[in-house]
Protein backbone atom coordinates (compact mmCIF):
# COMPACT_ATOMS: atom_id res chain seq x y z
CA MET A 1 221.10 135.06 23.22
CA CYS A 2 223.16 137.48 25.32
CA PHE A 3 223.55 138.46 28.91
CA SER A 4 224.79 141.87 29.95
CA ALA A 5 226.20 143.18 33.18
CA LYS A 6 226.71 146.63 34.58
CA MET A 7 230.50 146.59 34.46
CA LYS A 8 231.80 150.14 34.90
CA ARG A 9 235.44 150.70 35.73
CA HIS A 10 235.63 150.73 39.50
CA SER A 11 238.43 152.66 41.16
CA ASN A 12 239.04 152.43 44.89
CA ILE A 13 241.55 154.22 47.06
CA ALA A 14 241.90 151.31 49.46
CA VAL A 15 242.56 151.92 53.14
CA PHE A 16 243.08 148.79 55.24
CA ILE A 17 242.11 149.08 58.87
CA PRO A 18 243.05 146.80 61.78
CA HIS A 19 240.76 143.86 62.47
CA LEU A 20 239.30 145.64 65.48
CA GLY A 21 235.73 145.93 64.29
CA CYS A 22 234.92 142.24 64.36
CA HIS A 23 234.35 140.52 67.68
CA ASN A 24 233.67 137.18 66.04
CA SER A 25 236.13 134.49 64.95
CA CYS A 26 235.03 132.72 61.80
CA ILE A 27 236.86 129.49 61.05
CA PHE A 28 238.38 130.89 57.84
CA CYS A 29 239.40 134.31 59.11
CA SER A 30 242.97 135.50 59.36
CA GLN A 31 242.64 139.22 58.83
CA THR A 32 246.16 139.92 60.04
CA ARG A 33 247.38 137.76 57.15
CA ILE A 34 245.19 139.55 54.62
CA THR A 35 245.72 143.15 55.66
CA GLY A 36 249.23 142.90 57.08
CA VAL A 37 247.99 144.92 60.06
CA LEU A 38 248.10 143.61 63.60
CA ARG A 39 244.95 143.36 65.69
CA THR A 40 246.36 145.52 68.49
CA GLU A 41 244.60 148.90 68.50
CA PRO A 42 247.00 151.60 67.28
CA ASP A 43 247.17 155.14 68.59
CA ILE A 44 244.39 157.06 66.84
CA ASN A 45 246.67 159.87 65.76
CA ASP A 46 249.11 157.42 64.22
CA GLU A 47 246.18 155.71 62.54
CA LEU A 48 244.83 158.96 61.12
CA PHE A 49 248.28 159.82 59.78
CA ARG A 50 248.50 156.41 58.09
CA VAL A 51 245.01 156.70 56.62
CA ASN A 52 245.61 160.22 55.32
CA ASP A 53 248.92 159.14 53.79
CA ALA A 54 247.27 156.17 52.05
CA ILE A 55 244.58 158.45 50.64
CA GLU A 56 247.10 161.04 49.44
CA ARG A 57 249.18 158.36 47.73
CA GLY A 58 246.06 156.94 46.11
CA LEU A 59 244.99 160.35 44.87
CA SER A 60 248.39 160.92 43.29
CA THR A 61 247.82 157.97 40.95
CA LEU A 62 244.42 159.12 39.67
CA LYS A 63 244.39 160.74 36.25
CA SER A 64 240.71 160.69 35.34
CA GLY A 65 237.35 159.18 36.24
CA GLU A 66 235.80 158.73 39.65
CA ALA A 67 236.98 156.96 42.78
CA GLU A 68 235.83 156.11 46.26
CA ILE A 69 237.87 155.95 49.43
CA ALA A 70 237.31 152.37 50.57
CA PHE A 71 237.77 151.12 54.14
CA PHE A 72 238.57 147.42 53.84
CA GLY A 73 240.21 144.79 56.01
CA GLY A 74 237.78 144.59 58.88
CA SER A 75 234.21 145.18 59.98
CA PHE A 76 234.28 148.95 59.76
CA THR A 77 231.03 149.66 61.59
CA GLY A 78 232.05 147.41 64.47
CA ILE A 79 234.98 149.50 65.63
CA GLY A 80 234.53 152.02 68.42
CA GLU A 81 232.14 154.78 67.37
CA ASP A 82 234.51 157.65 68.20
CA ARG A 83 237.33 156.03 66.25
CA MET A 84 235.03 155.27 63.31
CA ILE A 85 233.83 158.88 63.17
CA ARG A 86 237.36 160.25 63.21
CA LEU A 87 238.36 157.92 60.38
CA LEU A 88 235.31 159.03 58.42
CA GLU A 89 236.11 162.68 59.05
CA CYS A 90 239.62 162.13 57.73
CA ALA A 91 238.32 160.43 54.59
CA SER A 92 235.44 162.84 53.97
CA SER A 93 237.82 165.79 53.92
CA HIS A 94 239.09 164.41 50.59
CA ILE A 95 235.67 164.15 48.92
CA GLY A 96 235.53 166.27 45.78
CA GLY A 97 237.29 166.18 42.44
CA PHE A 98 238.01 162.55 41.61
CA VAL A 99 236.62 161.30 44.93
CA LYS A 100 232.84 160.90 44.86
CA GLY A 101 232.39 159.28 48.27
CA ILE A 102 233.39 156.62 50.77
CA ARG A 103 232.88 152.85 50.65
CA CYS A 104 233.17 150.52 53.62
CA SER A 105 232.79 146.82 54.29
CA THR A 106 231.24 145.29 57.38
CA ARG A 107 229.24 142.39 58.81
CA PRO A 108 225.46 142.15 58.57
CA ASP A 109 225.08 142.10 62.37
CA TYR A 110 226.93 145.43 62.68
CA VAL A 111 224.33 147.43 60.74
CA ASN A 112 221.45 149.42 62.24
CA GLN A 113 219.77 152.79 61.73
CA HIS A 114 222.12 154.62 64.10
CA ILE A 115 225.13 153.33 62.17
CA CYS A 116 223.53 154.32 58.86
CA ASP A 117 222.93 157.85 60.17
CA ILE A 118 226.61 158.20 61.03
CA LEU A 119 227.71 156.86 57.65
CA LYS A 120 225.34 159.12 55.71
CA SER A 121 226.44 162.23 57.58
CA HIS A 122 230.09 161.57 56.69
CA GLY A 123 229.85 160.98 52.95
CA VAL A 124 229.57 157.19 52.78
CA THR A 125 227.95 156.19 49.51
CA ALA A 126 228.36 152.40 49.46
CA VAL A 127 228.26 149.64 52.07
CA GLU A 128 229.48 146.13 51.30
CA LEU A 129 228.21 143.31 53.48
CA GLY A 130 230.17 140.12 54.12
CA ILE A 131 227.15 137.88 53.63
CA GLN A 132 229.25 134.83 52.67
CA SER A 133 226.25 132.45 52.52
CA THR A 134 222.50 132.50 53.04
CA ASP A 135 222.46 128.82 54.02
CA ASN A 136 222.12 128.69 57.81
CA ARG A 137 223.85 125.31 58.00
CA VAL A 138 226.88 126.78 56.22
CA LEU A 139 226.88 129.90 58.40
CA GLU A 140 226.79 127.78 61.55
CA ALA A 141 229.60 125.53 60.31
CA ALA A 142 231.69 128.61 59.56
CA ARG A 143 230.95 129.99 63.06
CA ARG A 144 229.78 133.14 61.37
CA GLY A 145 227.83 134.35 64.40
CA HIS A 146 224.64 135.38 62.60
CA ASP A 147 221.96 133.79 60.45
CA ALA A 148 220.69 134.50 56.94
CA ASP A 149 217.77 136.61 58.16
CA THR A 150 220.25 138.97 59.83
CA ALA A 151 221.93 139.52 56.48
CA LYS A 152 218.63 140.13 54.72
CA ARG A 153 217.56 142.68 57.36
CA ALA A 154 220.90 144.49 57.04
CA CYS A 155 220.49 144.65 53.26
CA ALA A 156 217.03 146.18 53.69
CA ILE A 157 218.34 148.86 56.08
CA ILE A 158 221.20 149.76 53.74
CA LYS A 159 218.89 150.07 50.74
CA LYS A 160 216.32 152.04 52.75
CA ASN A 161 219.02 154.59 53.60
CA GLY A 162 220.01 155.08 49.98
CA PHE A 163 223.43 153.45 50.03
CA GLU A 164 224.80 151.40 47.16
CA LEU A 165 224.60 147.83 48.44
CA GLY A 166 227.42 145.37 47.87
CA GLY A 167 227.08 141.69 48.65
CA GLN A 168 230.19 139.62 49.31
CA MET A 169 229.89 135.84 49.14
CA MET A 170 232.23 132.88 49.48
CA VAL A 171 232.53 129.70 47.45
CA GLY A 172 233.70 126.44 49.02
CA LEU A 173 232.78 126.94 52.68
CA PRO A 174 232.29 123.77 54.74
CA LEU A 175 228.90 122.16 54.01
CA SER A 176 228.28 124.46 51.04
CA THR A 177 227.42 123.07 47.62
CA SER A 178 227.20 124.61 44.19
CA ASP A 179 223.41 124.71 44.59
CA SER A 180 223.57 126.51 47.94
CA GLU A 181 226.08 129.00 46.52
CA ILE A 182 223.87 129.74 43.53
CA LYS A 183 220.99 130.22 45.97
CA THR A 184 223.15 132.67 47.94
CA ALA A 185 223.83 134.63 44.74
CA GLU A 186 220.10 134.66 43.99
CA ASP A 187 219.33 135.86 47.53
CA ILE A 188 221.89 138.66 47.22
CA VAL A 189 220.20 139.74 43.99
CA SER A 190 216.77 139.58 45.66
CA CYS A 191 218.04 141.81 48.47
CA GLY A 192 218.71 144.55 45.91
CA ALA A 193 222.49 144.36 45.63
CA ASP A 194 224.06 146.81 43.19
CA THR A 195 227.50 145.21 43.30
CA CYS A 196 229.04 141.94 44.43
CA ARG A 197 232.31 140.19 45.14
CA ILE A 198 232.84 136.43 44.92
CA TYR A 199 235.59 134.92 47.04
CA PRO A 200 236.58 131.29 46.47
CA LEU A 201 237.70 130.09 49.90
CA VAL A 202 241.41 130.00 50.65
CA VAL A 203 242.84 128.42 53.78
CA PHE A 204 245.22 130.63 55.70
CA GLU A 205 247.62 129.29 58.29
CA ASN A 206 246.79 129.76 61.97
CA THR A 207 243.03 129.45 61.47
CA PRO A 208 240.57 126.77 62.64
CA LEU A 209 239.95 125.93 59.00
CA TYR A 210 243.66 125.19 58.55
CA ASP A 211 243.45 122.73 61.43
CA MET A 212 240.39 121.14 59.84
CA VAL A 213 242.32 120.61 56.60
CA LYS A 214 245.27 119.08 58.45
CA SER A 215 242.95 116.70 60.32
CA GLY A 216 241.02 115.73 57.19
CA GLU A 217 237.78 117.22 58.50
CA TYR A 218 237.58 119.65 55.59
CA ILE A 219 238.72 119.11 52.00
CA PRO A 220 239.29 122.37 50.12
CA LEU A 221 238.05 122.88 46.60
CA THR A 222 240.58 122.45 43.82
CA THR A 223 241.24 125.50 41.67
CA GLU A 224 239.18 123.94 38.88
CA GLU A 225 236.23 123.27 41.19
CA ALA A 226 236.37 126.78 42.64
CA VAL A 227 236.50 128.34 39.16
CA THR A 228 233.46 126.36 38.02
CA ARG A 229 231.42 127.22 41.10
CA ALA A 230 232.42 130.89 41.14
CA ALA A 231 231.49 131.18 37.46
CA ALA A 232 228.07 129.63 38.15
CA CYS A 233 227.41 132.28 40.81
CA ALA A 234 228.72 135.02 38.54
CA ARG A 235 226.22 134.01 35.86
CA VAL A 236 223.42 134.79 38.32
CA PHE A 237 224.77 138.29 38.91
CA ILE A 238 225.37 138.88 35.21
CA LYS A 239 221.84 137.85 34.33
CA HIS A 240 220.42 140.33 36.84
CA LYS A 241 222.86 143.13 35.94
CA VAL A 242 224.60 143.22 39.32
CA GLU A 243 228.09 144.62 38.90
CA ILE A 244 230.84 142.14 39.72
CA LEU A 245 233.61 144.10 41.39
CA ARG A 246 235.97 141.18 41.89
CA ILE A 247 236.30 137.41 41.86
CA GLY A 248 238.99 136.15 44.24
CA LEU A 249 241.38 137.82 46.64
CA HIS A 250 243.94 140.20 45.22
CA SER A 251 247.22 138.48 44.34
CA SER A 252 249.06 140.72 46.80
CA GLU A 253 246.94 139.67 49.78
CA ASN A 254 249.52 137.32 51.30
CA LEU A 255 248.35 134.25 49.41
CA ALA A 256 251.70 132.69 50.22
CA CYS A 257 250.29 132.29 53.74
CA ALA A 258 247.34 130.30 52.36
CA PRO A 259 248.73 126.86 51.51
CA TYR A 260 245.36 125.26 50.80
CA GLY A 261 242.26 126.13 48.84
CA ALA A 262 241.69 128.09 45.66
CA ASN A 263 244.69 130.38 46.07
CA HIS A 264 245.63 130.66 42.39
CA PRO A 265 246.81 134.28 41.86
CA ALA A 266 244.80 134.58 38.62
CA ILE A 267 241.64 132.85 39.80
CA GLY A 268 239.53 135.84 38.82
CA GLU A 269 240.66 135.65 35.22
CA LEU A 270 240.19 131.88 35.22
CA ALA A 271 236.63 132.34 36.46
CA GLU A 272 235.91 134.97 33.82
CA GLY A 273 237.18 132.57 31.19
CA GLU A 274 234.76 129.95 32.49
CA ILE A 275 231.93 132.48 32.38
CA TYR A 276 232.62 133.19 28.71
CA PHE A 277 232.90 129.47 27.96
CA GLY A 278 229.44 128.93 29.40
CA LEU A 279 227.92 131.87 27.53
CA ILE A 280 229.37 130.78 24.19
CA LYS A 281 228.42 127.15 24.75
CA GLU A 282 224.85 128.19 25.51
CA LEU A 283 224.69 130.02 22.19
CA LEU A 284 226.17 127.12 20.22
CA ASP A 285 223.72 124.67 21.76
CA GLY A 286 220.92 126.58 20.06
CA VAL A 287 222.26 126.63 16.50
CA ASN A 288 223.37 124.23 13.80
CA PRO A 289 226.78 125.63 12.80
CA GLU A 290 228.22 125.09 9.34
CA LYS A 291 231.23 122.85 8.97
CA ASN A 292 233.38 125.79 7.91
CA GLY A 293 232.95 127.19 11.39
CA ILE A 294 231.52 130.21 13.14
CA THR A 295 232.63 133.63 14.33
CA VAL A 296 231.96 134.67 17.90
CA ARG A 297 231.54 138.42 18.35
CA ILE A 298 232.99 139.48 21.70
CA PRO A 299 233.66 142.73 23.60
CA LYS A 300 236.84 144.63 22.86
CA GLY A 301 239.64 143.59 25.20
CA GLU A 302 238.08 140.28 26.24
CA LEU A 303 239.83 137.99 23.76
CA SER A 304 242.22 136.35 26.24
CA LYS A 305 239.33 135.52 28.58
CA CYS A 306 237.11 134.20 25.79
CA ILE A 307 239.85 131.97 24.39
CA GLY A 308 240.89 130.95 27.90
CA GLN A 309 244.33 130.44 29.38
CA LYS A 310 246.53 128.64 26.85
CA GLY A 311 243.54 128.56 24.49
CA ILE A 312 241.63 126.05 26.62
CA ASN A 313 238.18 127.48 25.86
CA ARG A 314 238.73 127.45 22.12
CA SER A 315 240.02 123.88 22.29
CA ARG A 316 237.09 122.68 24.42
CA LEU A 317 234.52 124.31 22.16
CA GLU A 318 236.09 123.08 18.92
CA GLN A 319 236.33 119.53 20.25
CA LEU A 320 232.78 119.61 21.56
CA TYR A 321 231.15 120.96 18.39
CA LYS A 322 233.66 119.67 15.79
CA ILE A 323 233.91 123.07 14.12
CA LYS A 324 236.42 125.89 13.72
CA ILE A 325 235.73 128.84 15.99
CA ARG A 326 236.95 132.37 15.29
CA PHE A 327 236.69 135.34 17.63
CA SER A 328 236.04 138.93 16.59
CA GLU A 329 236.62 141.72 19.10
CA GLU A 330 234.23 144.57 18.38
CA ASP A 331 233.59 148.01 19.82
CA GLY A 332 230.21 148.73 21.33
CA ILE A 333 229.66 145.27 22.83
CA GLU A 334 229.29 145.31 26.61
CA LYS A 335 231.22 142.94 28.81
CA TYR A 336 229.68 139.45 28.96
CA ASN A 337 227.70 140.04 25.78
CA VAL A 338 228.54 137.51 23.08
CA ASN A 339 226.83 136.50 19.85
CA ILE A 340 227.75 134.52 16.78
CA TYR A 341 227.87 134.60 13.01
CA VAL A 342 226.96 131.21 11.55
């Protein structure tokens, strides 16, 4: 039994914008911490110079393949329309060669047909929505400012307009459970998502969530809990061939300013290890392995994730099934496909 996922190499030329687009204040949000950019609106000409410079530097590192210019760090479609158009014009002037289009991230309640018309006319090819959860109780507790139906309507508009749809979700929000997170992943799949990102919740300083931790009102997930729950959501996306772009914040995103929560710098790799553990275990549960052991055939380059950090996956599996387990990396096997020789 195997699962496969559409896991192409994804290359972004990332451009972080000020947190001007969002007029809401979620309890977990500290965009200044994440992007390193202050919320004060900069002079547009200075901003265009910075954006163009970031794109030029990104282009200089590309050697082959395709890339998108990606506006991250805020709710892009919520910034002033004139400013948004000028930023898009700057980015679209670089489309061609390695650059196939523009990607942006935004909130579900900042998407409508007028916005989609602007994005389409300026070379945007993909829109990622910060859905976070489709459990209304969780959204309310997070002070998200919209409900699940708003997210589903935004997904429908994005798909109707021919954009690649990305769904971003969070693991470990107040009132969320593993079941509600899996349901969120299933809802994102049902909405037609092409790609996804899974963000285990980290607690940045100077946020309401930080105060909730200090008061005991909220208990963050441990790294182990976050890894297990993120992997469970990832299995949903893998099963339905939704491309997983990332699990966890990037290690450079000021995690030192997040003293609580699942802020392990390698949490993405830990989660991928847990995914492989689950896939292999599911296979072994269906066979009667010989005492001399089995060989697990895995994708090329995935050995460290399959074995797990410090060999933890191999140890867990060998202890559980009382057999010797060998791994064979082989060409032609897609990521998250595994099978065994008995």
